[in-house]
């Protein structure tokens, strides 16, 4: 499981996480409706989630 690392720190690449499908989890920032949102996505399958923990 992921330790106490913020979504912003994961976005910078401080830690590499793997999803349950075997791909690496990357974070990206999306600007929508006037707000910044951080979204986790699996590079292998393309699945997205609000938190990286949801893809593990």
N, C-alpha and C. Protein backbone atom coordinates (compact mmCIF):
# COMPACT_ATOMS: atom_id res chain seq x y z
N UNK A 1 0.84 -1.19 0.00
CA UNK A 1 0.00 0.00 0.00
C UNK A 1 0.87 1.25 0.00
N UNK A 2 0.31 2.32 -0.45
CA UNK A 2 1.03 3.59 -0.49
C UNK A 2 1.08 4.19 0.90
N UNK A 3 2.20 4.78 1.21
CA UNK A 3 2.36 5.42 2.50
C UNK A 3 1.75 6.81 2.49
N UNK A 4 2.05 7.60 3.49
CA UNK A 4 1.47 8.96 3.56
C UNK A 4 2.17 9.93 2.62
N UNK A 5 1.91 9.78 1.33
CA UNK A 5 2.50 10.65 0.32
C UNK A 5 1.35 11.36 -0.39
N UNK A 6 1.45 12.66 -0.50
CA UNK A 6 0.37 13.45 -1.10
C UNK A 6 0.23 13.16 -2.59
N UNK A 7 -0.92 13.56 -3.14
CA UNK A 7 -1.15 13.39 -4.57
C UNK A 7 -0.16 14.23 -5.37
N UNK A 8 0.21 15.39 -4.85
CA UNK A 8 1.16 16.24 -5.56
C UNK A 8 2.53 15.59 -5.63
N UNK A 9 2.96 14.93 -4.55
CA UNK A 9 4.26 14.27 -4.54
C UNK A 9 4.28 13.10 -5.52
N UNK A 10 3.17 12.39 -5.64
CA UNK A 10 3.10 11.28 -6.59
C UNK A 10 3.14 11.80 -8.02
N UNK A 11 2.58 12.96 -8.24
CA UNK A 11 2.56 13.54 -9.57
C UNK A 11 3.96 13.90 -10.02
N UNK A 12 4.82 14.31 -9.10
CA UNK A 12 6.19 14.68 -9.44
C UNK A 12 7.05 13.47 -9.73
N UNK A 13 6.62 12.27 -9.37
CA UNK A 13 7.39 11.06 -9.67
C UNK A 13 8.30 10.63 -8.55
N UNK A 14 7.97 11.01 -7.31
CA UNK A 14 8.81 10.65 -6.17
C UNK A 14 8.72 9.15 -5.88
N UNK A 15 7.62 8.53 -6.27
CA UNK A 15 7.42 7.11 -5.99
C UNK A 15 6.72 6.46 -7.18
N UNK A 16 7.18 5.29 -7.60
CA UNK A 16 6.51 4.58 -8.68
C UNK A 16 5.57 3.56 -8.08
N UNK A 17 4.34 3.58 -8.50
CA UNK A 17 3.32 2.67 -8.00
C UNK A 17 2.86 1.78 -9.14
N UNK A 18 2.45 0.56 -8.81
CA UNK A 18 1.94 -0.34 -9.83
C UNK A 18 0.47 -0.64 -9.56
N UNK A 19 -0.31 -0.73 -10.61
CA UNK A 19 -1.73 -0.99 -10.48
C UNK A 19 -1.98 -2.50 -10.36
N UNK A 20 -3.21 -2.85 -10.11
CA UNK A 20 -3.56 -4.28 -10.00
C UNK A 20 -3.49 -4.99 -11.34
N UNK A 21 -3.44 -4.22 -12.44
CA UNK A 21 -3.33 -4.81 -13.77
C UNK A 21 -1.89 -4.91 -14.24
N UNK A 22 -0.95 -4.44 -13.44
CA UNK A 22 0.46 -4.57 -13.78
C UNK A 22 1.09 -3.35 -14.41
N UNK A 23 0.33 -2.34 -14.70
CA UNK A 23 0.88 -1.11 -15.29
C UNK A 23 1.31 -0.14 -14.21
N UNK A 24 2.09 0.85 -14.58
CA UNK A 24 2.49 1.86 -13.61
C UNK A 24 1.40 2.92 -13.49
N UNK A 25 1.26 3.44 -12.28
CA UNK A 25 0.26 4.46 -12.01
C UNK A 25 0.93 5.82 -12.11
N UNK A 26 0.37 6.68 -12.92
CA UNK A 26 0.87 8.04 -13.07
C UNK A 26 -0.21 9.00 -12.62
N UNK A 27 0.22 10.17 -12.17
CA UNK A 27 -0.71 11.22 -11.78
C UNK A 27 -0.64 12.33 -12.83
N UNK A 28 -1.78 12.90 -13.13
CA UNK A 28 -1.80 14.06 -14.01
C UNK A 28 -2.78 15.08 -13.45
N UNK A 29 -2.54 16.34 -13.74
CA UNK A 29 -3.41 17.41 -13.29
C UNK A 29 -4.32 17.83 -14.44
N UNK A 30 -5.59 17.98 -14.14
CA UNK A 30 -6.57 18.37 -15.13
C UNK A 30 -7.26 19.64 -14.64
N UNK A 31 -7.36 20.63 -15.50
CA UNK A 31 -8.04 21.88 -15.15
C UNK A 31 -9.42 21.85 -15.76
N UNK A 32 -10.44 21.70 -14.91
CA UNK A 32 -11.80 21.71 -15.42
C UNK A 32 -12.73 22.44 -14.46
N UNK A 33 -13.66 23.18 -15.01
CA UNK A 33 -14.62 23.99 -14.25
C UNK A 33 -13.92 24.98 -13.32
N UNK A 34 -12.79 25.51 -13.77
CA UNK A 34 -12.10 26.51 -12.98
C UNK A 34 -11.29 25.98 -11.82
N UNK A 35 -11.11 24.67 -11.74
CA UNK A 35 -10.37 24.07 -10.63
C UNK A 35 -9.34 23.08 -11.14
N UNK A 36 -8.25 22.94 -10.39
CA UNK A 36 -7.25 21.92 -10.70
C UNK A 36 -7.65 20.62 -10.03
N UNK A 37 -7.66 19.56 -10.79
CA UNK A 37 -7.95 18.23 -10.24
C UNK A 37 -6.77 17.32 -10.54
N UNK A 38 -6.40 16.50 -9.59
CA UNK A 38 -5.35 15.51 -9.80
C UNK A 38 -6.02 14.17 -10.05
N UNK A 39 -5.62 13.50 -11.11
CA UNK A 39 -6.22 12.24 -11.50
C UNK A 39 -5.13 11.20 -11.65
N UNK A 40 -5.37 10.01 -11.11
CA UNK A 40 -4.44 8.90 -11.26
C UNK A 40 -4.91 8.06 -12.44
N UNK A 41 -3.95 7.57 -13.23
CA UNK A 41 -4.32 6.69 -14.34
C UNK A 41 -3.28 5.60 -14.52
N UNK A 42 -3.76 4.46 -14.98
CA UNK A 42 -2.90 3.31 -15.24
C UNK A 42 -2.42 3.41 -16.69
N UNK A 43 -1.10 3.33 -16.88
CA UNK A 43 -0.56 3.45 -18.23
C UNK A 43 -0.90 2.25 -19.10
N UNK A 44 -1.06 1.09 -18.49
CA UNK A 44 -1.30 -0.13 -19.27
C UNK A 44 -2.74 -0.20 -19.78
N UNK A 45 -3.71 0.04 -18.89
CA UNK A 45 -5.12 -0.13 -19.26
C UNK A 45 -5.84 1.18 -19.54
N UNK A 46 -5.32 2.29 -19.02
CA UNK A 46 -5.99 3.57 -19.22
C UNK A 46 -7.07 3.87 -18.20
N UNK A 47 -7.23 3.02 -17.19
CA UNK A 47 -8.23 3.27 -16.16
C UNK A 47 -7.84 4.49 -15.35
N UNK A 48 -8.83 5.28 -14.94
CA UNK A 48 -8.56 6.48 -14.15
C UNK A 48 -9.30 6.41 -12.83
N UNK A 49 -8.77 7.12 -11.84
CA UNK A 49 -9.40 7.22 -10.53
C UNK A 49 -8.95 8.51 -9.87
N UNK A 50 -9.67 8.92 -8.84
CA UNK A 50 -9.31 10.14 -8.15
C UNK A 50 -8.03 9.96 -7.33
N UNK A 51 -7.87 8.79 -6.74
CA UNK A 51 -6.68 8.50 -5.94
C UNK A 51 -5.94 7.31 -6.53
N UNK A 52 -4.64 7.31 -6.38
CA UNK A 52 -3.84 6.19 -6.88
C UNK A 52 -4.16 4.92 -6.12
N UNK A 53 -4.54 5.04 -4.88
CA UNK A 53 -4.87 3.88 -4.04
C UNK A 53 -6.06 3.10 -4.60
N UNK A 54 -6.96 3.79 -5.32
CA UNK A 54 -8.12 3.11 -5.90
C UNK A 54 -7.76 2.18 -7.04
N UNK A 55 -6.59 2.38 -7.65
CA UNK A 55 -6.16 1.53 -8.76
C UNK A 55 -5.29 0.37 -8.31
N UNK A 56 -4.93 0.33 -7.04
CA UNK A 56 -4.03 -0.72 -6.54
C UNK A 56 -4.79 -1.96 -6.12
